[in-house]
C-alpha atoms as a PDB file:
ATOM      1  CA  MET A   1       0.000   0.000   0.000  1.00  0.00           C
ATOM      2  CA  LYS A   2       2.766   2.416   0.968  1.00  0.00           C
ATOM      3  CA  ARG A   3       4.592   1.546  -2.247  1.00  0.00           C
ATOM      4  CA  ASN A   4       1.485   2.412  -4.303  1.00  0.00           C
ATOM      5  CA  VAL A   5       1.021   5.717  -2.500  1.00  0.00           C
ATOM      6  CA  LEU A   6       4.665   6.603  -3.117  1.00  0.00           C
ATOM      7  CA  PHE A   7       4.321   5.691  -6.808  1.00  0.00           C
ATOM      8  CA  PHE A   8       1.296   7.924  -7.316  1.00  0.00           C
ATOM      9  CA  PHE A   9       2.942  10.754  -5.372  1.00  0.00           C
ATOM     10  CA  LEU A  10       6.057  10.640  -7.539  1.00  0.00           C
ATOM     11  CA  ALA A  11       3.955  10.346 -10.687  1.00  0.00           C
ATOM     12  CA  SER A  12       1.970  13.457  -9.754  1.00  0.00           C
ATOM     13  CA  ILE A  13       5.200  15.385  -9.245  1.00  0.00           C
ATOM     14  CA  ALA A  14       6.461  14.296 -12.657  1.00  0.00           C
ATOM     15  CA  ILE A  15       3.222  15.331 -14.355  1.00  0.00           C
ATOM     16  CA  SER A  16       3.188  18.749 -12.680  1.00  0.00           C
ATOM     17  CA  ALA A  17       6.779  19.297 -13.790  1.00  0.00           C
ATOM     18  CA  VAL A  18       5.850  18.975 -17.454  1.00  0.00           C
ATOM     19  CA  ALA A  19       5.312  22.434 -18.895  1.00  0.00           C
ATOM     20  CA  GLN A  20       1.916  23.139 -20.384  1.00  0.00           C
ATOM     21  CA  PRO A  21       1.789  24.535 -23.924  1.00  0.00           C
ATOM     22  CA  ALA A  22       2.038  28.316 -24.048  1.00  0.00           C
ATOM     23  CA  LYS A  23      -0.832  30.226 -25.635  1.00  0.00           C
ATOM     24  CA  ILE A  24       0.331  33.026 -27.906  1.00  0.00           C
ATOM     25  CA  ALA A  25      -1.389  35.197 -30.506  1.00  0.00           C
ATOM     26  CA  THR A  26      -1.090  37.861 -33.164  1.00  0.00           C
ATOM     27  CA  TYR A  27      -3.763  40.550 -33.133  1.00  0.00           C
ATOM     28  CA  ASN A  28      -4.166  43.583 -35.382  1.00  0.00           C
ATOM     29  CA  MET A  29      -6.258  45.779 -33.090  1.00  0.00           C
ATOM     30  CA  ARG A  30      -6.970  48.599 -35.594  1.00  0.00           C
ATOM     31  CA  TYR A  31      -5.592  52.087 -35.030  1.00  0.00           C
ATOM     32  CA  ASP A  32      -7.707  54.681 -33.225  1.00  0.00           C
ATOM     33  CA  ASN A  33      -9.562  56.243 -36.163  1.00  0.00           C
ATOM     34  CA  VAL A  34     -11.974  59.083 -35.315  1.00  0.00           C
ATOM     35  CA  GLN A  35     -14.223  57.936 -38.160  1.00  0.00           C
ATOM     36  CA  ASP A  36     -14.815  54.600 -36.422  1.00  0.00           C
ATOM     37  CA  THR A  37     -17.863  55.874 -34.563  1.00  0.00           C
ATOM     38  CA  VAL A  38     -19.759  52.626 -34.033  1.00  0.00           C
ATOM     39  CA  ASN A  39     -16.472  50.777 -33.688  1.00  0.00           C
ATOM     40  CA  ALA A  40     -14.676  53.459 -31.678  1.00  0.00           C
ATOM     41  CA  TRP A  41     -11.515  52.419 -29.864  1.00  0.00           C
ATOM     42  CA  ALA A  42     -12.931  53.331 -26.448  1.00  0.00           C
ATOM     43  CA  LYS A  43     -15.742  50.832 -27.009  1.00  0.00           C
ATOM     44  CA  ARG A  44     -13.490  48.111 -28.350  1.00  0.00           C
ATOM     45  CA  VAL A  45     -10.504  48.071 -26.020  1.00  0.00           C
ATOM     46  CA  PRO A  46     -12.334  46.610 -22.980  1.00  0.00           C
ATOM     47  CA  ILE A  47     -13.586  43.767 -25.185  1.00  0.00           C
ATOM     48  CA  ILE A  48     -10.104  43.174 -26.565  1.00  0.00           C
ATOM     49  CA  GLY A  49      -8.838  42.838 -23.006  1.00  0.00           C
ATOM     50  CA  GLN A  50     -11.606  40.379 -22.200  1.00  0.00           C
ATOM     51  CA  VAL A  51     -10.820  38.287 -25.282  1.00  0.00           C
ATOM     52  CA  ILE A  52      -7.150  38.044 -24.292  1.00  0.00           C
ATOM     53  CA  GLN A  53      -7.998  37.057 -20.729  1.00  0.00           C
ATOM     54  CA  PHE A  54     -10.838  34.662 -21.554  1.00  0.00           C
ATOM     55  CA  HIS A  55      -8.696  32.691 -23.991  1.00  0.00           C
ATOM     56  CA  GLU A  56      -5.820  32.736 -21.479  1.00  0.00           C
ATOM     57  CA  ILE A  57      -3.348  34.158 -23.983  1.00  0.00           C
ATOM     58  CA  GLU A  58       0.032  34.592 -22.315  1.00  0.00           C
ATOM     59  CA  LEU A  59       2.011  36.438 -24.972  1.00  0.00           C
ATOM     60  CA  PHE A  60       0.877  38.288 -28.079  1.00  0.00           C
ATOM     61  CA  GLY A  61       2.036  40.598 -30.806  1.00  0.00           C
ATOM     62  CA  ALA A  62      -0.277  43.503 -31.641  1.00  0.00           C
ATOM     63  CA  GLN A  63      -0.327  45.725 -34.704  1.00  0.00           C
ATOM     64  CA  GLU A  64      -1.510  49.257 -35.527  1.00  0.00           C
ATOM     65  CA  LEU A  65      -1.459  50.518 -31.945  1.00  0.00           C
ATOM     66  CA  LEU A  66      -0.632  54.171 -31.370  1.00  0.00           C
ATOM     67  CA  ASP A  67       1.138  55.189 -28.170  1.00  0.00           C
ATOM     68  CA  HIS A  68      -2.044  55.895 -26.205  1.00  0.00           C
ATOM     69  CA  GLN A  69      -3.555  52.615 -27.416  1.00  0.00           C
ATOM     70  CA  VAL A  70      -0.573  50.639 -26.152  1.00  0.00           C
ATOM     71  CA  LYS A  71      -1.148  52.224 -22.746  1.00  0.00           C
ATOM     72  CA  ASP A  72      -4.891  51.482 -22.942  1.00  0.00           C
ATOM     73  CA  VAL A  73      -4.227  47.797 -23.617  1.00  0.00           C
ATOM     74  CA  LYS A  74      -1.789  47.723 -20.712  1.00  0.00           C
ATOM     75  CA  LYS A  75      -4.524  49.140 -18.433  1.00  0.00           C
ATOM     76  CA  GLN A  76      -6.849  46.330 -19.486  1.00  0.00           C
ATOM     77  CA  LEU A  77      -4.130  43.752 -18.836  1.00  0.00           C
ATOM     78  CA  PRO A  78      -2.225  44.879 -15.728  1.00  0.00           C
ATOM     79  CA  MET A  79      -0.466  41.519 -15.445  1.00  0.00           C
ATOM     80  CA  PHE A  80       1.216  42.129 -18.805  1.00  0.00           C
ATOM     81  CA  ASP A  81       4.309  44.124 -19.692  1.00  0.00           C
ATOM     82  CA  TRP A  82       5.307  45.078 -23.227  1.00  0.00           C
ATOM     83  CA  ILE A  83       8.174  46.036 -25.526  1.00  0.00           C
ATOM     84  CA  GLY A  84       8.245  48.046 -28.759  1.00  0.00           C
ATOM     85  CA  VAL A  85       8.561  51.541 -30.240  1.00  0.00           C
ATOM     86  CA  GLY A  86       6.663  53.814 -32.604  1.00  0.00           C
ATOM     87  CA  ARG A  87       7.545  53.259 -36.241  1.00  0.00           C
ATOM     88  CA  ASP A  88       7.765  56.944 -37.228  1.00  0.00           C
ATOM     89  CA  ASP A  89      10.669  57.930 -34.975  1.00  0.00           C
ATOM     90  CA  GLY A  90      11.770  54.827 -33.072  1.00  0.00           C
ATOM     91  CA  GLN A  91      10.268  56.264 -29.897  1.00  0.00           C
ATOM     92  CA  ALA A  92       6.582  57.101 -29.469  1.00  0.00           C
ATOM     93  CA  LYS A  93       5.350  58.461 -32.808  1.00  0.00           C
ATOM     94  CA  GLY A  94       3.340  56.374 -35.218  1.00  0.00           C
ATOM     95  CA  GLU A  95       2.036  52.852 -34.954  1.00  0.00           C
ATOM     96  CA  TYR A  96       3.736  50.233 -32.800  1.00  0.00           C
ATOM     97  CA  ALA A  97       4.135  46.511 -33.370  1.00  0.00           C
ATOM     98  CA  PRO A  98       4.416  45.809 -29.640  1.00  0.00           C
ATOM     99  CA  ILE A  99       4.871  42.469 -27.936  1.00  0.00           C
ATOM    100  CA  PHE A 100       2.849  41.991 -24.752  1.00  0.00           C
ATOM    101  CA  TYR A 101       3.837  39.232 -22.327  1.00  0.00           C
ATOM    102  CA  HIS A 102       2.537  37.932 -19.002  1.00  0.00           C
ATOM    103  CA  ALA A 103       5.144  39.221 -16.563  1.00  0.00           C
ATOM    104  CA  ASP A 104       4.654  36.329 -14.127  1.00  0.00           C
ATOM    105  CA  LYS A 105       5.441  33.788 -16.844  1.00  0.00           C
ATOM    106  CA  PHE A 106       8.117  35.355 -19.035  1.00  0.00           C
ATOM    107  CA  LYS A 107      10.978  37.796 -18.764  1.00  0.00           C
ATOM    108  CA  VAL A 108      12.792  39.777 -21.456  1.00  0.00           C
ATOM    109  CA  LEU A 109      16.498  39.043 -21.866  1.00  0.00           C
ATOM    110  CA  ASP A 110      17.050  41.297 -24.870  1.00  0.00           C
ATOM    111  CA  LYS A 111      14.984  43.366 -27.294  1.00  0.00           C
ATOM    112  CA  GLY A 112      15.222  45.506 -30.393  1.00  0.00           C
ATOM    113  CA  ASN A 113      13.573  46.925 -33.486  1.00  0.00           C
ATOM    114  CA  PHE A 114      14.342  47.276 -37.175  1.00  0.00           C
ATOM    115  CA  TRP A 115      12.578  48.802 -40.147  1.00  0.00           C
ATOM    116  CA  LEU A 116      11.441  46.995 -43.271  1.00  0.00           C
ATOM    117  CA  SER A 117      13.499  49.065 -45.678  1.00  0.00           C
ATOM    118  CA  GLU A 118      16.862  49.378 -47.381  1.00  0.00           C
ATOM    119  CA  THR A 119      18.066  51.150 -44.201  1.00  0.00           C
ATOM    120  CA  PRO A 120      16.653  48.896 -41.449  1.00  0.00           C
ATOM    121  CA  ASP A 121      18.394  50.690 -38.598  1.00  0.00           C
ATOM    122  CA  GLN A 122      16.585  53.958 -39.357  1.00  0.00           C
ATOM    123  CA  PRO A 123      12.860  54.892 -39.289  1.00  0.00           C
ATOM    124  CA  THR A 124      12.348  54.811 -43.056  1.00  0.00           C
ATOM    125  CA  LYS A 125       9.962  53.655 -45.757  1.00  0.00           C
ATOM    126  CA  GLY A 126      11.217  50.793 -47.874  1.00  0.00           C
ATOM    127  CA  TRP A 127      10.973  50.181 -51.604  1.00  0.00           C
ATOM    128  CA  ASP A 128       7.434  51.097 -52.799  1.00  0.00           C
ATOM    129  CA  ALA A 129       5.849  51.113 -49.325  1.00  0.00           C
ATOM    130  CA  ALA A 130       3.253  53.753 -48.502  1.00  0.00           C
ATOM    131  CA  LEU A 131       4.360  53.986 -44.865  1.00  0.00           C
ATOM    132  CA  PRO A 132       7.304  53.153 -42.604  1.00  0.00           C
ATOM    133  CA  ARG A 133       7.070  49.551 -41.426  1.00  0.00           C
ATOM    134  CA  ILE A 134       8.703  48.096 -38.333  1.00  0.00           C
ATOM    135  CA  CYS A 135       9.524  44.771 -36.732  1.00  0.00           C
ATOM    136  CA  SER A 136       9.919  44.611 -32.950  1.00  0.00           C
ATOM    137  CA  TRP A 137      11.569  41.595 -31.365  1.00  0.00           C
ATOM    138  CA  GLY A 138      12.312  40.185 -27.956  1.00  0.00           C
ATOM    139  CA  LYS A 139      14.436  37.424 -26.498  1.00  0.00           C
ATOM    140  CA  PHE A 140      12.308  35.805 -23.800  1.00  0.00           C
ATOM    141  CA  GLN A 141      12.800  33.266 -21.064  1.00  0.00           C
ATOM    142  CA  ASP A 142      10.019  31.068 -19.752  1.00  0.00           C
ATOM    143  CA  LEU A 143      10.248  31.548 -15.986  1.00  0.00           C
ATOM    144  CA  LYS A 144       9.056  28.008 -15.275  1.00  0.00           C
ATOM    145  CA  THR A 145      11.047  25.946 -17.753  1.00  0.00           C
ATOM    146  CA  LYS A 146      13.972  28.417 -18.108  1.00  0.00           C
ATOM    147  CA  LYS A 147      13.876  27.838 -21.862  1.00  0.00           C
ATOM    148  CA  VAL A 148      14.771  30.765 -24.119  1.00  0.00           C
ATOM    149  CA  PHE A 149      13.098  31.790 -27.372  1.00  0.00           C
ATOM    150  CA  PHE A 150      12.668  34.790 -29.685  1.00  0.00           C
ATOM    151  CA  ILE A 151       9.496  36.569 -30.781  1.00  0.00           C
ATOM    152  CA  PHE A 152       9.444  38.780 -33.888  1.00  0.00           C
ATOM    153  CA  ASN A 153       6.309  40.858 -34.462  1.00  0.00           C
ATOM    154  CA  THR A 154       5.677  42.905 -37.599  1.00  0.00           C
ATOM    155  CA  HIS A 155       3.189  44.603 -39.929  1.00  0.00           C
ATOM    156  CA  PHE A 156       3.961  44.618 -43.651  1.00  0.00           C
ATOM    157  CA  ASP A 157       2.889  47.419 -45.971  1.00  0.00           C
ATOM    158  CA  HIS A 158      -0.650  47.374 -47.330  1.00  0.00           C
ATOM    159  CA  LYS A 159       0.123  48.913 -50.734  1.00  0.00           C
ATOM    160  CA  GLY A 160       3.689  48.215 -51.809  1.00  0.00           C
ATOM    161  CA  GLU A 161       3.919  44.860 -53.566  1.00  0.00           C
ATOM    162  CA  LEU A 162       7.693  45.024 -53.882  1.00  0.00           C
ATOM    163  CA  ALA A 163       7.903  46.123 -50.254  1.00  0.00           C
ATOM    164  CA  ARG A 164       6.009  43.047 -49.088  1.00  0.00           C
ATOM    165  CA  ILE A 165       8.189  40.668 -51.083  1.00  0.00           C
ATOM    166  CA  ASN A 166      11.443  42.302 -49.994  1.00  0.00           C
ATOM    167  CA  SER A 167      10.252  42.625 -46.392  1.00  0.00           C
ATOM    168  CA  ALA A 168       9.843  38.853 -46.237  1.00  0.00           C
ATOM    169  CA  LYS A 169      13.430  38.380 -47.424  1.00  0.00           C
ATOM    170  CA  LEU A 170      14.781  41.048 -45.085  1.00  0.00           C
ATOM    171  CA  ILE A 171      13.031  39.708 -42.026  1.00  0.00           C
ATOM    172  CA  LEU A 172      14.410  36.208 -42.609  1.00  0.00           C
ATOM    173  CA  ASP A 173      17.934  37.630 -42.873  1.00  0.00           C
ATOM    174  CA  LYS A 174      17.437  39.649 -39.695  1.00  0.00           C
ATOM    175  CA  ILE A 175      16.092  36.647 -37.792  1.00  0.00           C
ATOM    176  CA  LYS A 176      19.147  34.618 -38.787  1.00  0.00           C
ATOM    177  CA  THR A 177      21.473  37.408 -37.643  1.00  0.00           C
ATOM    178  CA  ILE A 178      19.693  38.113 -34.351  1.00  0.00           C
ATOM    179  CA  ALA A 179      18.503  34.667 -33.254  1.00  0.00           C
ATOM    180  CA  GLY A 180      20.803  32.276 -35.104  1.00  0.00           C
ATOM    181  CA  ASN A 181      19.576  28.719 -34.615  1.00  0.00           C
ATOM    182  CA  GLN A 182      17.625  29.448 -31.438  1.00  0.00           C
ATOM    183  CA  PRO A 183      13.834  28.918 -31.223  1.00  0.00           C
ATOM    184  CA  VAL A 184      11.912  31.635 -33.087  1.00  0.00           C
ATOM    185  CA  VAL A 185       8.294  32.687 -33.537  1.00  0.00           C
ATOM    186  CA  LEU A 186       7.500  35.190 -36.292  1.00  0.00           C
ATOM    187  CA  MET A 187       4.056  36.761 -36.166  1.00  0.00           C
ATOM    188  CA  GLY A 188       2.111  39.679 -37.517  1.00  0.00           C
ATOM    189  CA  ASP A 189      -0.149  41.164 -40.152  1.00  0.00           C
ATOM    190  CA  PHE A 190       1.694  40.436 -43.388  1.00  0.00           C
ATOM    191  CA  ASN A 191      -0.930  41.901 -45.706  1.00  0.00           C
ATOM    192  CA  PHE A 192      -0.640  38.839 -47.931  1.00  0.00           C
ATOM    193  CA  ASP A 193      -2.408  35.511 -47.769  1.00  0.00           C
ATOM    194  CA  GLN A 194      -1.173  31.959 -48.094  1.00  0.00           C
ATOM    195  CA  ARG A 195      -1.160  32.119 -51.901  1.00  0.00           C
ATOM    196  CA  HIS A 196       1.237  35.083 -52.189  1.00  0.00           C
ATOM    197  CA  GLU A 197       4.877  35.019 -53.287  1.00  0.00           C
ATOM    198  CA  GLY A 198       5.940  36.603 -50.004  1.00  0.00           C
ATOM    199  CA  TYR A 199       4.252  33.832 -48.041  1.00  0.00           C
ATOM    200  CA  GLN A 200       6.065  31.223 -50.125  1.00  0.00           C
ATOM    201  CA  THR A 201       9.348  32.996 -49.362  1.00  0.00           C
ATOM    202  CA  LEU A 202       8.692  32.673 -45.639  1.00  0.00           C
ATOM    203  CA  GLN A 203       7.581  29.058 -45.975  1.00  0.00           C
ATOM    204  CA  SER A 204      10.724  28.163 -47.918  1.00  0.00           C
ATOM    205  CA  SER A 205      12.799  28.999 -44.835  1.00  0.00           C
ATOM    206  CA  THR A 206      13.126  26.931 -41.670  1.00  0.00           C
ATOM    207  CA  LEU A 207      10.084  28.774 -40.308  1.00  0.00           C
ATOM    208  CA  LYS A 208       6.728  27.152 -41.027  1.00  0.00           C
ATOM    209  CA  ASP A 209       3.157  28.381 -40.740  1.00  0.00           C
ATOM    210  CA  ALA A 210       1.588  27.115 -37.513  1.00  0.00           C
ATOM    211  CA  PHE A 211      -1.625  26.567 -39.475  1.00  0.00           C
ATOM    212  CA  GLY A 212      -0.040  23.646 -41.300  1.00  0.00           C
ATOM    213  CA  LEU A 213       1.637  22.222 -38.196  1.00  0.00           C
ATOM    214  CA  ALA A 214      -1.241  22.298 -35.722  1.00  0.00           C
ATOM    215  CA  LEU A 215      -2.786  19.015 -34.616  1.00  0.00           C
ATOM    216  CA  PHE A 216      -6.158  20.751 -34.223  1.00  0.00           C
ATOM    217  CA  LYS A 217      -7.475  23.780 -36.115  1.00  0.00           C
ATOM    218  CA  LEU A 218     -10.398  26.154 -35.683  1.00  0.00           C
ATOM    219  CA  ALA A 219     -10.084  28.288 -38.807  1.00  0.00           C
ATOM    220  CA  ASN A 220     -13.403  28.809 -40.529  1.00  0.00           C
ATOM    221  CA  THR A 221     -12.921  32.320 -41.899  1.00  0.00           C
ATOM    222  CA  SER A 222     -10.483  34.888 -43.251  1.00  0.00           C
ATOM    223  CA  THR A 223      -8.415  36.738 -40.663  1.00  0.00           C
ATOM    224  CA  PHE A 224      -9.394  40.205 -41.961  1.00  0.00           C
ATOM    225  CA  ASN A 225     -13.051  41.067 -41.362  1.00  0.00           C
ATOM    226  CA  GLY A 226     -13.397  44.824 -41.964  1.00  0.00           C
ATOM    227  CA  PHE A 227     -15.739  44.946 -38.917  1.00  0.00           C
ATOM    228  CA  ASP A 228     -18.203  42.755 -40.860  1.00  0.00           C
ATOM    229  CA  ILE A 229     -19.462  39.951 -38.644  1.00  0.00           C
ATOM    230  CA  ARG A 230     -20.575  38.018 -41.748  1.00  0.00           C
ATOM    231  CA  THR A 231     -16.991  37.650 -42.992  1.00  0.00           C
ATOM    232  CA  ALA A 232     -16.266  34.396 -44.815  1.00  0.00           C
ATOM    233  CA  GLY A 233     -13.513  33.054 -47.048  1.00  0.00           C
ATOM    234  CA  ASP A 234     -10.157  31.480 -46.264  1.00  0.00           C
ATOM    235  CA  ALA A 235      -7.617  34.280 -46.861  1.00  0.00           C
ATOM    236  CA  ARG A 236      -5.206  34.354 -43.949  1.00  0.00           C
ATOM    237  CA  ILE A 237      -3.155  37.567 -43.933  1.00  0.00           C
ATOM    238  CA  ASP A 238      -2.292  37.344 -40.229  1.00  0.00           C
ATOM    239  CA  HIS A 239       0.250  34.586 -39.665  1.00  0.00           C
ATOM    240  CA  ILE A 240       2.292  32.878 -36.971  1.00  0.00           C
ATOM    241  CA  LEU A 241       5.358  30.966 -38.137  1.00  0.00           C
ATOM    242  CA  VAL A 242       7.578  28.867 -35.901  1.00  0.00           C
ATOM    243  CA  SER A 243      11.027  27.286 -36.058  1.00  0.00           C
ATOM    244  CA  PRO A 244      11.505  23.480 -35.932  1.00  0.00           C
ATOM    245  CA  GLN A 245      12.067  23.385 -32.161  1.00  0.00           C
ATOM    246  CA  PHE A 246       8.362  24.070 -31.534  1.00  0.00           C
ATOM    247  CA  LYS A 247       5.448  21.673 -31.471  1.00  0.00           C
ATOM    248  CA  VAL A 248       2.084  23.296 -32.272  1.00  0.00           C
ATOM    249  CA  SER A 249      -0.931  21.569 -30.755  1.00  0.00           C
ATOM    250  CA  LYS A 250      -3.703  24.060 -31.592  1.00  0.00           C
ATOM    251  CA  TYR A 251      -4.394  26.857 -34.080  1.00  0.00           C
ATOM    252  CA  GLY A 252      -7.428  29.113 -33.980  1.00  0.00           C
ATOM    253  CA  ILE A 253      -8.914  32.185 -35.639  1.00  0.00           C
ATOM    254  CA  LEU A 254     -10.985  33.682 -32.811  1.00  0.00           C
ATOM    255  CA  THR A 255     -14.282  35.213 -33.906  1.00  0.00           C
ATOM    256  CA  ASP A 256     -15.574  36.566 -30.580  1.00  0.00           C
ATOM    257  CA  SER A 257     -18.136  39.358 -30.944  1.00  0.00           C
ATOM    258  CA  TYR A 258     -20.047  41.727 -28.663  1.00  0.00           C
ATOM    259  CA  GLN A 259     -23.528  43.166 -29.212  1.00  0.00           C
ATOM    260  CA  GLY A 260     -23.373  42.167 -32.863  1.00  0.00           C
ATOM    261  CA  LYS A 261     -20.021  43.931 -33.386  1.00  0.00           C
ATOM    262  CA  LEU A 262     -16.393  42.848 -33.601  1.00  0.00           C
ATOM    263  CA  PRO A 263     -13.531  44.050 -31.355  1.00  0.00           C
ATOM    264  CA  SER A 264     -11.298  44.809 -34.357  1.00  0.00           C
ATOM    265  CA  ASP A 265     -11.243  44.669 -38.149  1.00  0.00           C
ATOM    266  CA  HIS A 266      -8.976  41.612 -37.868  1.00  0.00           C
ATOM    267  CA  PHE A 267      -9.621  38.412 -35.958  1.00  0.00           C
ATOM    268  CA  PRO A 268      -6.848  37.379 -33.573  1.00  0.00           C
ATOM    269  CA  VAL A 269      -4.915  34.260 -34.515  1.00  0.00           C
ATOM    270  CA  THR A 270      -3.826  32.109 -31.591  1.00  0.00           C
ATOM    271  CA  ILE A 271      -1.781  28.963 -31.184  1.00  0.00           C
ATOM    272  CA  SER A 272      -0.781  26.623 -28.380  1.00  0.00           C
ATOM    273  CA  LEU A 273       2.836  25.573 -28.632  1.00  0.00           C
ATOM    274  CA  SER A 274       5.650  24.016 -26.663  1.00  0.00           C
ATOM    275  CA  LEU A 275       9.380  23.692 -27.122  1.00  0.00           C
ATOM    276  CA  SER A 276      10.095  20.107 -28.099  1.00  0.00           C
ATOM    277  CA  LYS A 277      13.883  20.469 -28.154  1.00  0.00           C
END
C-alpha cells in the first residue's frame, strides 16, 4: 500500500513538472480612427482585453497601436508588460508593433527593433511602401522551464507589392542574424495571404506556418473582417510561423463578438505551442 502511495505521489510530481503549452497570438487591433464611430476604440478596447484574458493568452504581438492605445491595452491587462517603439521615430510616434507578455510567466532578456526598408536601422519607408514599417523583437525566457526563445512581431505594408516581397526576405535575414539557430516565432499582419509570393518565401525557410503544423485547427474564416461579422472566405493575412524546435498543438482564428459587433477589423490568430527540443 505504501509503495502504491509513493508511486502515485512521484507520478503526480512528474506530471506537474511537465510544462503546459504556451498560448500566444497575433492581433491587429486597428488604429484609433476618429471615423470609427460605431467601432470606436474606447468601445473596443475593454472587449479586446476580455478576449485576451478569456482565452488565457500569455504572450501576443499587436499591430496598428498608437502610443495611447498601447497604454490602454496595458490598463486592461495589468499583469502584462510590453516592448516596442513607434515606427515613425523609433520612440513614441506612429504605430507600434508591440509584444505583450505575461510578466509572471516570461521575462525579457534582450529586445530591439528594425525597419522593413533598405536602411533597417533607421525609421524609413522601404521600396514602394506607402508607410514606414517596423519589426519589434524580444528574447524571452520562460520563468518556469527556463527555456529561451525569440518573438518577432511585424506589420507589412498594405500597398507596396515590392515592399512586401522584400520585407519577407529582409526579415528572414534579420532573424538569422539576431537569433541564429535558437527557437523563433515570427508573427504579424503580413498583408498577404497563403497564396502570395511573399508567403512562399517565408515558408521556404526553416520557419513554417503554424496553421499547417497544428494538430487541431479552428479556422473557418479569413483573418481580416473589416468589422463585418458576416466575414467568410479562407484568406489568412495574419500569420504565426515557428522554427523546428516548436510543437504546435492548436491553431485558432478567434471570432468573438459583442452586441453584434467585432472588437477589431482583424480576428486574432492564436496557437498553443511548446518547445520540443
